Amino acid sequence: MTTTPTEDSTTAQHVPADLPARIQHFIDGEFVDSLDGDTFDVLDPVSNQTYLQAAAGKQADIDRAVAAARRAFDEGPWPHLLPRERNRILNRIADIVESRDSRLAELETFDSGLPITQALGQARRAAENFRFFADLIVAQIDDTYKVPGKQVNYVNRKPKGVAGLITPWNTPFMLESWKLAPALASGCTVVLKPAEFTPLSASLWADIFREAGVPDGVFNLVNGLGEEAGDALVKHDDVQLISFTGESSTGQLIFANAAPTLKGLSMELGGKSPAIVFADADLDAAIDSTVFGVFSLNGERCTAGSRILVERAVYDDFVTRYAERAENIRVGNPHDPETEVGALVHPEHYDKVTGYIEIGKQEGRLVAGGGRPEGLETGNYVRPTVFVDVPRTARIFQEEIFGPVVAITPFDSDEEALELANDVKYGLAAYVWTSDLERAHTLAQSIDAGMVWLNSHNVRDLRTPFGGVKASGLGHEGGYRSLDFYSDQQAVHISLAPVHTPKFGASNASTVGA
């Protein structure tokens, strides 16, 4: 059986109307070119043709953007607005995003290769992110402590300053909102450096914020390569904190480059998350979830359950059913509503993923996919690929592929399942499927992962911490933890009674100079 392309897969590519001829930076309320005039090519993943030029930011452009953000923070009204005033603006942002969700999804799909139905869901999630933090800053409480009859101590929360936000190319618009919403809600000003593969949807934020009433200089955007614009942002003396989502190796570099300026860091990095399926699990639900968990968003998701560990008693049945489902996934034109897996974001990433597939053919048994779908001879299309009987030493078991590729491995005991789950350098997410709730909770608390879903796929609750351990990240965002990251928490103490302070030197004061 072969993966089924959609009916529109071989027809002419959908190109959105009114695409810009070029993308500029947005600094201090104006669209501007790079100071040196440099640009870089942006490709669409279906044709792999250049469809526009984007301004290539360098040190000078970052300096200009940070200076604008610094002025807006030091001299502008944004950090000093009451929470309710910022709440109204954030809700207006959400309203505008919702009103343009179809256009946002169309551009996101064209730029990233995500299936249109999934891109539409991500656009709506972006609006929800702004609504959530708009509500949170109004409902927020801080600690107050009273020492009866003596003292009151309370926490005064203040925005930290200029936040540097560096975002990835998978679901870019939504992931930008994850950082922009809490940063702006907290009263920070920002410089956003979006991924160079997917700058199109990020360019829409400027008009959205301007229409919503965000003052000039509060939001600034600099496009460019990570090693140029991103590096300059991380090293800048006037940037107080960096929030980064991306590869673990890049996170290591950012950690080192931020050290001289002692910046605050929040980094959500790579993952190689396990999905553990026990024999007593609801196999129908587990298969639905594990298929969706690794093949949705084209497999380009940090929390993908890309290592599936299955108890041996149900292993053969699981593998047979899983492979059949993978072979029937609809791969094709990202703009076709029937498409379930679209085109990978860029030819460089396509080469990486297909390179791992070739490695996997030497490490495991290929039971589904393994190459390009029939009828899709151009574009970054990959058949959903399933390897089974994969040993823990295999590269496809240990290394993040970030594409529609899954490794399935059997286990014989709870202890072995836990050992296999933890036997990688990553620790972002994990999924456990079992009807034994004692086992589920015991295993969840023993897995080295920042987030665990029990009998569930990846359902995000914005109130909970999001982040990983080991090579998967540093720090957690989400809910109040996001506000903590973008805020300084100042302890203020006031006495309610005469202060009894030891009088050093007082007993000899009358004899001094006698």
Protein backbone atom coordinates (compact mmCIF):
# COMPACT_ATOMS: atom_id res chain seq x y z
CA MET A 1 0.00 0.00 0.00
CA THR A 2 1.29 3.50 -0.78
CA THR A 3 0.67 6.78 0.92
CA THR A 4 -2.33 8.47 -0.66
CA PRO A 5 -1.76 11.92 -2.17
CA THR A 6 -4.71 14.28 -2.11
CA GLU A 7 -6.62 14.89 -5.32
CA ASP A 8 -5.17 18.39 -5.64
CA SER A 9 -1.58 17.29 -4.99
CA THR A 10 -0.52 17.35 -8.63
CA THR A 11 -2.41 20.50 -9.62
CA ALA A 12 -0.93 23.98 -9.84
CA GLN A 13 0.39 25.34 -6.58
CA HIS A 14 -1.82 27.73 -4.62
CA VAL A 15 -0.14 31.14 -4.29
CA PRO A 16 -1.85 33.63 -1.95
CA ALA A 17 -2.97 36.90 -3.48
CA ASP A 18 -1.24 40.16 -2.60
CA LEU A 19 2.04 38.67 -1.46
CA PRO A 20 4.55 41.40 -0.62
CA ALA A 21 7.47 41.91 -2.98
CA ARG A 22 9.80 42.04 0.01
CA ILE A 23 9.73 41.90 3.78
CA GLN A 24 11.24 44.70 5.84
CA HIS A 25 12.13 45.12 9.49
CA PHE A 26 9.72 46.99 11.76
CA ILE A 27 11.53 49.36 14.10
CA ASP A 28 10.09 52.18 16.22
CA GLY A 29 6.79 52.17 14.36
CA GLU A 30 8.24 52.12 10.82
CA PHE A 31 8.96 49.50 8.17
CA VAL A 32 12.62 49.86 7.24
CA ASP A 33 15.27 48.11 5.16
CA SER A 34 18.55 46.89 6.60
CA LEU A 35 21.02 49.72 7.04
CA ASP A 36 23.41 48.01 4.63
CA GLY A 37 20.60 47.14 2.19
CA ASP A 38 21.30 43.40 2.44
CA THR A 39 18.53 40.81 1.85
CA PHE A 40 18.11 37.03 1.83
CA ASP A 41 15.95 34.70 -0.26
CA VAL A 42 12.76 33.14 1.11
CA LEU A 43 11.50 29.91 -0.51
CA ASP A 44 8.11 28.28 -0.45
CA PRO A 45 8.32 24.55 0.41
CA VAL A 46 6.09 23.28 -2.41
CA SER A 47 8.05 24.68 -5.35
CA ASN A 48 11.31 25.49 -3.50
CA GLN A 49 11.39 28.68 -5.55
CA THR A 50 12.30 32.09 -4.15
CA TYR A 51 9.09 34.08 -3.78
CA LEU A 52 10.43 37.20 -2.07
CA GLN A 53 13.42 38.90 -0.52
CA ALA A 54 13.57 39.70 3.19
CA ALA A 55 15.74 42.33 4.83
CA ALA A 56 18.81 40.69 6.38
CA GLY A 57 19.39 42.22 9.79
CA LYS A 58 22.89 42.63 11.18
CA GLN A 59 24.43 44.16 14.30
CA ALA A 60 23.54 47.72 13.24
CA ASP A 61 19.87 46.83 12.70
CA ILE A 62 19.66 45.06 16.05
CA ASP A 63 21.29 48.11 17.69
CA ARG A 64 18.63 50.31 16.11
CA ALA A 65 15.77 48.06 17.22
CA VAL A 66 17.06 47.65 20.77
CA ALA A 67 17.53 51.42 21.09
CA ALA A 68 13.90 51.93 20.06
CA ALA A 69 12.71 49.32 22.54
CA ARG A 70 14.85 50.85 25.27
CA ARG A 71 13.41 54.34 24.66
CA ALA A 72 9.88 52.95 24.68
CA PHE A 73 10.61 51.22 27.98
CA ASP A 74 12.36 54.17 29.68
CA GLU A 75 10.29 57.04 28.31
CA GLY A 76 7.05 55.56 26.96
CA PRO A 77 3.79 54.71 28.69
CA TRP A 78 3.75 50.93 28.13
CA PRO A 79 5.53 49.71 31.31
CA HIS A 80 3.43 52.06 33.44
CA LEU A 81 -0.04 51.23 32.11
CA LEU A 82 -2.45 49.70 34.57
CA PRO A 83 -3.02 45.96 34.00
CA ARG A 84 -6.58 46.66 32.85
CA GLU A 85 -5.29 49.09 30.20
CA ARG A 86 -2.84 46.55 28.81
CA ASN A 87 -5.60 43.94 29.05
CA ARG A 88 -7.79 45.94 26.67
CA ILE A 89 -5.02 46.27 24.10
CA LEU A 90 -4.13 42.57 24.29
CA ASN A 91 -7.77 41.65 23.77
CA ARG A 92 -7.91 43.95 20.76
CA ILE A 93 -4.88 42.10 19.38
CA ALA A 94 -6.75 38.81 19.87
CA ASP A 95 -9.84 40.23 18.13
CA ILE A 96 -7.78 41.29 15.10
CA VAL A 97 -5.98 37.94 14.89
CA GLU A 98 -9.31 36.10 15.02
CA SER A 99 -10.79 38.32 12.31
CA ARG A 100 -7.86 37.50 10.01
CA ASP A 101 -7.39 33.83 10.85
CA SER A 102 -8.08 32.59 7.31
CA ARG A 103 -5.52 34.93 5.80
CA LEU A 104 -2.99 34.09 8.50
CA ALA A 105 -3.47 30.39 7.89
CA GLU A 106 -3.16 30.84 4.13
CA LEU A 107 0.15 32.67 4.47
CA GLU A 108 1.46 30.27 7.12
CA THR A 109 0.66 27.28 4.93
CA PHE A 110 2.31 28.84 1.89
CA ASP A 111 5.43 29.79 3.88
CA SER A 112 5.85 26.68 6.06
CA GLY A 113 4.12 23.81 4.25
CA LEU A 114 1.77 23.08 7.15
CA PRO A 115 -1.61 21.64 6.17
CA ILE A 116 -4.16 24.45 5.94
CA THR A 117 -6.55 23.02 8.54
CA GLN A 118 -3.72 22.72 11.08
CA ALA A 119 -2.42 26.22 10.26
CA LEU A 120 -5.90 27.62 10.86
CA GLY A 121 -5.98 25.98 14.28
CA GLN A 122 -2.61 27.50 15.11
CA ALA A 123 -3.82 30.99 14.13
CA ARG A 124 -6.77 30.64 16.48
CA ARG A 125 -4.47 29.43 19.25
CA ALA A 126 -2.41 32.60 18.78
CA ALA A 127 -5.48 34.70 19.52
CA GLU A 128 -6.23 32.58 22.58
CA ASN A 129 -2.70 33.12 23.89
CA PHE A 130 -3.28 36.88 23.95
CA ARG A 131 -6.66 36.49 25.63
CA PHE A 132 -5.19 34.22 28.28
CA PHE A 133 -2.44 36.64 29.31
CA ALA A 134 -4.82 39.60 29.08
CA ASP A 135 -6.96 37.87 31.70
CA LEU A 136 -4.00 36.74 33.78
CA ILE A 137 -2.52 40.20 34.36
CA VAL A 138 -5.87 41.44 35.65
CA ALA A 139 -6.41 38.43 37.90
CA GLN A 140 -2.79 38.27 39.05
CA ILE A 141 -2.01 38.31 42.77
CA ASP A 142 1.31 38.64 44.54
CA ASP A 143 2.49 37.59 47.97
CA THR A 144 1.95 39.73 51.06
CA TYR A 145 3.17 38.70 54.51
CA LYS A 146 2.28 40.29 57.82
CA VAL A 147 4.30 39.95 60.99
CA PRO A 148 1.55 40.83 63.50
CA GLY A 149 2.09 44.21 65.11
CA LYS A 150 5.54 44.61 63.60
CA GLN A 151 5.84 44.58 59.81
CA VAL A 152 4.17 44.10 56.43
CA ASN A 153 6.18 42.61 53.57
CA TYR A 154 4.90 42.48 50.00
CA VAL A 155 6.05 41.77 46.48
CA ASN A 156 6.13 44.57 43.92
CA ARG A 157 6.26 43.22 40.35
CA LYS A 158 8.00 45.30 37.67
CA PRO A 159 8.69 44.56 33.98
CA LYS A 160 12.33 43.61 33.39
CA GLY A 161 13.01 45.76 30.34
CA VAL A 162 13.81 44.84 26.74
CA ALA A 163 13.04 41.23 25.87
CA GLY A 164 14.72 39.50 22.94
CA LEU A 165 12.46 36.86 21.40
CA ILE A 166 13.92 34.30 19.00
CA THR A 167 11.34 32.00 17.45
CA PRO A 168 11.40 28.84 15.29
CA TRP A 169 9.99 28.01 11.87
CA ASN A 170 7.47 25.35 12.91
CA THR A 171 4.04 26.93 13.54
CA PRO A 172 5.84 30.30 13.60
CA PHE A 173 2.91 32.68 14.13
CA MET A 174 1.48 30.74 17.06
CA LEU A 175 4.87 30.24 18.71
CA GLU A 176 5.62 33.95 18.33
CA SER A 177 2.39 34.66 20.20
CA TRP A 178 3.52 32.39 23.06
CA LYS A 179 6.37 34.81 23.69
CA LEU A 180 4.87 38.13 22.61
CA ALA A 181 1.71 37.84 24.72
CA PRO A 182 3.33 37.38 28.16
CA ALA A 183 6.20 39.75 27.38
CA LEU A 184 3.84 42.57 26.42
CA ALA A 185 1.37 41.68 29.19
CA SER A 186 4.18 42.08 31.73
CA GLY A 187 5.04 45.57 30.43
CA CYS A 188 8.26 44.69 28.62
CA THR A 189 9.19 46.05 25.24
CA VAL A 190 10.40 43.53 22.69
CA VAL A 191 12.64 42.80 19.73
CA LEU A 192 11.43 39.76 17.79
CA LYS A 193 13.83 37.80 15.56
CA PRO A 194 11.72 35.27 13.63
CA ALA A 195 13.15 32.22 11.88
CA GLU A 196 14.66 33.05 8.51
CA PHE A 197 12.88 30.11 6.81
CA THR A 198 9.41 31.51 7.62
CA PRO A 199 9.32 35.32 7.95
CA LEU A 200 6.02 35.88 6.16
CA SER A 201 3.44 35.58 8.94
CA ALA A 202 5.70 37.39 11.44
CA SER A 203 5.58 40.46 9.21
CA LEU A 204 1.85 40.75 9.94
CA TRP A 205 2.35 41.48 13.64
CA ALA A 206 3.36 45.09 13.01
CA ASP A 207 0.02 46.18 11.54
CA ILE A 208 -1.90 44.07 14.06
CA PHE A 209 -0.17 45.76 17.00
CA ARG A 210 -0.42 49.21 15.48
CA GLU A 211 -4.15 48.80 14.86
CA ALA A 212 -4.64 47.52 18.43
CA GLY A 213 -2.97 50.60 19.91
CA VAL A 214 0.48 49.32 20.93
CA PRO A 215 2.76 52.40 21.14
CA ASP A 216 5.66 52.79 18.72
CA GLY A 217 8.87 51.15 19.89
CA VAL A 218 7.14 48.61 22.13
CA PHE A 219 7.23 45.99 19.38
CA ASN A 220 10.19 45.75 17.02
CA LEU A 221 11.00 43.06 14.47
CA VAL A 222 14.33 42.32 12.84
CA ASN A 223 14.59 39.60 10.22
CA GLY A 224 17.85 37.85 9.50
CA LEU A 225 20.03 34.84 9.98
CA GLY A 226 20.52 33.39 13.43
CA GLU A 227 24.29 33.73 13.32
CA GLU A 228 23.96 37.43 12.50
CA ALA A 229 20.76 39.04 13.80
CA GLY A 230 20.10 36.41 16.46
CA ASP A 231 23.66 36.45 17.72
CA ALA A 232 23.69 40.26 17.95
CA LEU A 233 20.43 40.23 19.92
CA VAL A 234 21.73 37.65 22.41
CA LYS A 235 24.96 39.58 23.02
CA HIS A 236 23.41 43.06 23.27
CA ASP A 237 24.11 44.88 26.54
CA ASP A 238 20.70 46.57 26.59
CA VAL A 239 18.63 43.39 26.28
CA GLN A 240 17.66 42.08 29.72
CA LEU A 241 16.38 38.64 28.77
CA ILE A 242 16.19 36.16 25.90
CA SER A 243 13.39 33.70 25.23
CA PHE A 244 14.45 31.15 22.63
CA THR A 245 12.81 28.14 21.03
CA GLY A 246 14.93 25.98 18.75
CA GLU A 247 17.60 23.32 18.53
CA SER A 248 19.59 22.21 21.57
CA SER A 249 22.92 22.97 19.89
CA THR A 250 21.80 26.55 19.23
CA GLY A 251 20.63 26.78 22.84
CA GLN A 252 24.11 25.86 24.05
CA LEU A 253 25.59 28.65 21.94
CA ILE A 254 23.04 31.17 23.25
CA PHE A 255 23.76 30.10 26.83
CA ALA A 256 27.46 30.83 26.33
CA ASN A 257 26.94 34.11 24.46
CA ALA A 258 24.45 35.46 27.02
CA ALA A 259 26.75 34.77 29.98
CA PRO A 260 28.89 37.95 29.78
CA THR A 261 25.80 40.16 30.15
CA LEU A 262 24.09 37.90 32.72
CA LYS A 263 20.81 37.87 30.83
CA GLY A 264 17.75 36.02 31.95
CA LEU A 265 17.26 32.96 29.76
CA SER A 266 14.29 30.78 28.94
CA MET A 267 15.02 28.14 26.33
CA GLU A 268 12.71 25.44 24.98
CA LEU A 269 14.98 23.15 22.99
CA GLY A 270 14.87 19.80 21.21
CA GLY A 271 13.06 16.63 22.10
CA LYS A 272 12.95 12.91 21.46
CA SER A 273 9.86 12.18 23.47
CA PRO A 274 8.72 8.65 24.37
CA ALA A 275 5.17 7.37 24.09
CA ILE A 276 4.85 4.27 26.30
CA VAL A 277 2.02 1.87 25.47
CA PHE A 278 1.21 -0.93 27.93
CA ALA A 279 -0.75 -4.08 27.10
CA ASP A 280 -3.67 -2.94 29.26
CA ALA A 281 -4.04 0.36 27.38
CA ASP A 282 -6.97 1.33 25.19
CA LEU A 283 -5.09 0.45 21.99
CA ASP A 284 -7.52 2.26 19.70
CA ALA A 285 -7.02 5.51 21.61
CA ALA A 286 -3.26 4.94 21.91
CA ILE A 287 -2.89 4.38 18.18
CA ASP A 288 -4.99 7.45 17.35
CA SER A 289 -2.87 9.55 19.69
CA THR A 290 0.56 8.24 18.72
CA VAL A 291 -0.17 8.53 15.00
CA PHE A 292 -1.38 12.11 15.45
CA GLY A 293 1.41 12.94 17.89
CA VAL A 294 4.25 12.28 15.47
CA PHE A 295 2.69 13.01 12.05
CA SER A 296 0.62 16.14 12.72
CA LEU A 297 2.33 19.43 11.89
CA ASN A 298 4.38 17.40 9.38
CA GLY A 299 6.24 15.84 12.30
CA GLU A 300 7.94 19.21 12.82
CA ARG A 301 7.01 19.57 16.48
CA CYS A 302 9.21 19.63 19.55
CA THR A 303 6.84 17.47 21.63
CA ALA A 304 6.35 14.75 19.00
CA GLY A 305 6.19 11.26 20.51
CA SER A 306 8.78 10.06 18.03
CA ARG A 307 9.87 7.02 20.10
CA ILE A 308 7.01 4.62 20.74
CA LEU A 309 7.72 1.96 23.37
CA VAL A 310 5.22 -0.91 23.26
CA GLU A 311 4.80 -3.80 25.71
CA ARG A 312 5.70 -7.03 23.95
CA ALA A 313 2.34 -8.73 24.54
CA VAL A 314 0.64 -6.29 22.16
CA TYR A 315 3.69 -5.28 20.12
CA ASP A 316 2.96 -7.19 16.89
CA ASP A 317 -0.68 -6.11 16.83
CA PHE A 318 0.27 -2.50 17.52
CA VAL A 319 2.95 -2.45 14.82
CA THR A 320 0.63 -3.92 12.18
CA ARG A 321 -2.13 -1.45 12.91
CA TYR A 322 0.21 1.50 13.25
CA ALA A 323 1.93 0.82 9.92
CA GLU A 324 -1.42 0.54 8.15
CA ARG A 325 -2.54 3.90 9.54
CA ALA A 326 0.74 5.56 8.54
CA GLU A 327 0.48 4.22 4.98
CA ASN A 328 -3.00 5.72 4.64
CA ILE A 329 -2.13 9.23 5.83
CA ARG A 330 -2.97 11.76 3.12
CA VAL A 331 0.17 13.57 1.99
CA GLY A 332 -0.11 16.41 -0.47
CA ASN A 333 -0.78 20.02 -1.30
CA PRO A 334 -0.73 21.94 2.02
CA HIS A 335 -3.63 24.13 0.87
CA ASP A 336 -5.94 21.14 0.33
CA PRO A 337 -8.24 20.75 3.38
CA GLU A 338 -7.99 16.95 3.01
CA THR A 339 -4.19 16.97 3.45
CA GLU A 340 -2.90 15.54 6.73
CA VAL A 341 0.85 15.88 6.05
CA GLY A 342 2.12 18.68 3.84
CA ALA A 343 5.59 19.70 2.69
CA LEU A 344 8.59 20.05 5.00
CA VAL A 345 9.63 23.62 5.53
CA HIS A 346 12.84 23.88 3.50
CA PRO A 347 15.08 21.76 1.26
CA GLU A 348 17.83 21.84 3.90
CA HIS A 349 15.45 20.28 6.41
CA TYR A 350 14.13 17.84 3.81
CA ASP A 351 17.69 16.63 3.24
CA LYS A 352 18.18 16.18 6.99
CA VAL A 353 14.99 14.14 7.41
CA THR A 354 15.56 11.95 4.36
CA GLY A 355 19.15 11.44 5.51
CA TYR A 356 17.85 10.02 8.78
CA ILE A 357 15.47 7.76 6.87
CA GLU A 358 18.43 6.27 5.02
CA ILE A 359 20.24 5.78 8.34
CA GLY A 360 17.12 4.15 9.78
CA LYS A 361 17.03 1.58 6.99
CA GLN A 362 20.28 0.20 8.44
CA GLU A 363 19.11 0.38 12.07
CA GLY A 364 15.52 -0.88 12.14
CA ARG A 365 12.89 -2.62 10.05
CA LEU A 366 11.01 -0.30 7.71
CA VAL A 367 7.27 -1.08 7.70
CA ALA A 368 5.80 2.13 6.26
CA GLY A 369 6.95 5.05 4.14
CA GLY A 370 10.62 5.54 3.56
CA GLY A 371 10.71 7.98 0.68
CA ARG A 372 8.87 10.47 -1.52
CA PRO A 373 5.14 9.90 -2.17
CA GLU A 374 4.12 8.86 -5.67
CA GLY A 375 2.83 11.72 -7.79
CA LEU A 376 4.68 14.40 -5.81
CA GLU A 377 7.91 14.72 -7.71
CA THR A 378 8.78 18.25 -6.56
CA GLY A 379 8.57 19.94 -3.20
CA ASN A 380 9.70 18.78 0.24
CA TYR A 381 7.31 15.84 0.57
CA VAL A 382 8.11 12.79 2.71
CA ARG A 383 5.93 9.73 3.24
CA PRO A 384 5.12 9.12 6.92
CA THR A 385 7.84 6.65 7.86
CA VAL A 386 7.73 3.90 10.50
CA PHE A 387 10.71 1.89 11.71
CA VAL A 388 10.18 -1.01 14.14
CA ASP A 389 12.44 -3.25 16.23
CA VAL A 390 14.67 -0.21 16.74
CA PRO A 391 17.45 -0.75 19.32
CA ARG A 392 18.17 1.92 21.91
CA THR A 393 21.64 2.48 20.42
CA ALA A 394 20.23 3.50 17.03
CA ARG A 395 20.64 7.08 15.91
CA ILE A 396 16.95 7.21 14.96
CA PHE A 397 16.17 6.26 18.58
CA GLN A 398 18.59 8.77 20.13
CA GLU A 399 18.59 11.84 17.86
CA GLU A 400 15.89 14.37 17.06
CA ILE A 401 14.76 14.06 13.43
CA PHE A 402 11.94 16.65 13.52
CA GLY A 403 9.99 15.12 10.69
CA PRO A 404 7.35 12.44 9.97
CA VAL A 405 9.53 9.57 11.14
CA VAL A 406 8.88 7.30 14.14
CA ALA A 407 10.88 4.54 15.84
CA ILE A 408 8.99 1.72 17.62
CA THR A 409 10.70 -0.48 20.22
CA PRO A 410 9.35 -3.35 22.39
CA PHE A 411 9.73 -3.70 26.16
CA ASP A 412 8.98 -6.46 28.68
CA SER A 413 8.56 -4.73 32.05
CA ASP A 414 7.77 -1.43 33.71
CA GLU A 415 11.42 -1.11 34.67
CA GLU A 416 12.61 -1.61 31.10
CA ALA A 417 10.04 0.88 29.79
CA LEU A 418 11.32 3.53 32.20
CA GLU A 419 14.94 2.77 31.35
CA LEU A 420 14.27 3.09 27.62
CA ALA A 421 12.25 6.26 28.10
CA ASN A 422 15.07 7.98 29.97
CA ASP A 423 17.92 6.66 27.82
CA VAL A 424 18.31 9.77 25.63
CA LYS A 425 19.83 13.19 26.25
CA TYR A 426 16.47 14.93 25.84
CA GLY A 427 13.66 15.38 28.34
CA LEU A 428 10.85 17.52 26.96
CA ALA A 429 7.64 15.48 26.88
CA ALA A 430 6.39 11.94 27.48
CA TYR A 431 3.15 10.04 26.97
CA VAL A 432 1.94 7.00 28.93
CA TRP A 433 -0.95 4.72 27.93
CA THR A 434 -2.24 2.29 30.57
CA SER A 435 -5.46 1.54 32.45
CA ASP A 436 -3.46 1.10 35.70
CA LEU A 437 -3.55 4.56 37.26
CA GLU A 438 -1.04 3.68 39.98
CA ARG A 439 1.42 2.63 37.30
CA ALA A 440 0.61 5.74 35.25
CA HIS A 441 1.37 8.18 38.06
CA THR A 442 4.39 6.26 39.33
CA LEU A 443 5.91 6.12 35.88
CA ALA A 444 5.08 9.76 35.12
CA GLN A 445 6.92 10.95 38.20
CA SER A 446 9.97 8.85 37.31
CA ILE A 447 10.32 9.90 33.67
CA ASP A 448 12.92 12.57 32.93
CA ALA A 449 10.57 14.96 31.14
CA GLY A 450 9.26 18.44 31.76
CA MET A 451 5.74 17.43 30.72
CA VAL A 452 3.90 14.10 30.83
CA TRP A 453 0.50 13.26 29.35
CA LEU A 454 -1.32 10.22 30.73
CA ASN A 455 -3.81 8.56 28.39
CA SER A 456 -3.87 11.75 26.38
CA HIS A 457 -2.20 13.37 23.42
CA ASN A 458 -0.52 16.77 23.62
CA VAL A 459 -3.30 19.01 24.95
CA ARG A 460 -1.79 22.31 26.11
CA ASP A 461 -3.09 23.99 29.27
CA LEU A 462 -1.73 27.55 29.27
CA ARG A 463 -1.81 27.68 33.07
CA THR A 464 0.81 24.93 33.45
CA PRO A 465 4.59 25.08 33.05
CA PHE A 466 5.93 24.39 29.57
CA GLY A 467 9.56 23.35 29.21
CA GLY A 468 11.99 20.48 29.46
CA VAL A 469 14.91 19.04 31.38
CA LYS A 470 18.35 17.81 30.33
CA ALA A 471 19.09 18.89 26.74
CA SER A 472 15.49 19.95 26.18
CA GLY A 473 15.64 23.29 27.84
CA LEU A 474 16.28 25.78 30.58
CA GLY A 475 13.44 27.27 32.59
CA HIS A 476 9.69 27.01 32.16
CA GLU A 477 7.09 29.35 30.74
CA GLY A 478 3.31 29.21 30.89
CA GLY A 479 0.82 30.90 33.22
CA TYR A 480 2.35 32.78 36.12
CA ARG A 481 5.77 31.33 35.29
CA SER A 482 5.79 33.39 32.11
CA LEU A 483 4.97 36.54 34.05
CA ASP A 484 7.70 35.66 36.54
CA PHE A 485 10.21 35.38 33.70
CA TYR A 486 9.36 38.77 32.18
CA SER A 487 9.09 40.52 35.56
CA ASP A 488 11.36 41.49 38.41
CA GLN A 489 9.85 40.66 41.79
CA GLN A 490 10.89 43.24 44.34
CA ALA A 491 10.41 42.62 48.06
CA VAL A 492 9.19 45.71 49.95
CA HIS A 493 9.17 45.82 53.77
CA ILE A 494 7.58 48.42 56.07
CA SER A 495 7.54 48.52 59.86
CA LEU A 496 4.29 48.97 61.77
CA ALA A 497 5.92 49.59 65.16
CA PRO A 498 9.03 51.23 66.61
CA VAL A 499 12.08 49.57 65.14
CA HIS A 500 14.30 47.83 67.68
CA THR A 501 17.71 47.96 66.10
CA PRO A 502 20.93 47.12 67.97
CA LYS A 503 22.64 50.44 68.75
CA PHE A 504 26.18 49.74 67.61
CA GLY A 505 28.54 52.34 69.03
CA ALA A 506 25.89 54.14 71.06
CA SER A 507 27.25 53.20 74.52
CA ASN A 508 30.59 54.88 73.90
CA ALA A 509 29.31 57.87 71.96
CA SER A 510 29.55 60.27 74.99
CA THR A 511 33.24 59.52 75.57
CA VAL A 512 34.35 59.97 71.98
CA GLY A 513 36.63 63.02 71.77
CA ALA A 514 36.67 63.62 75.56
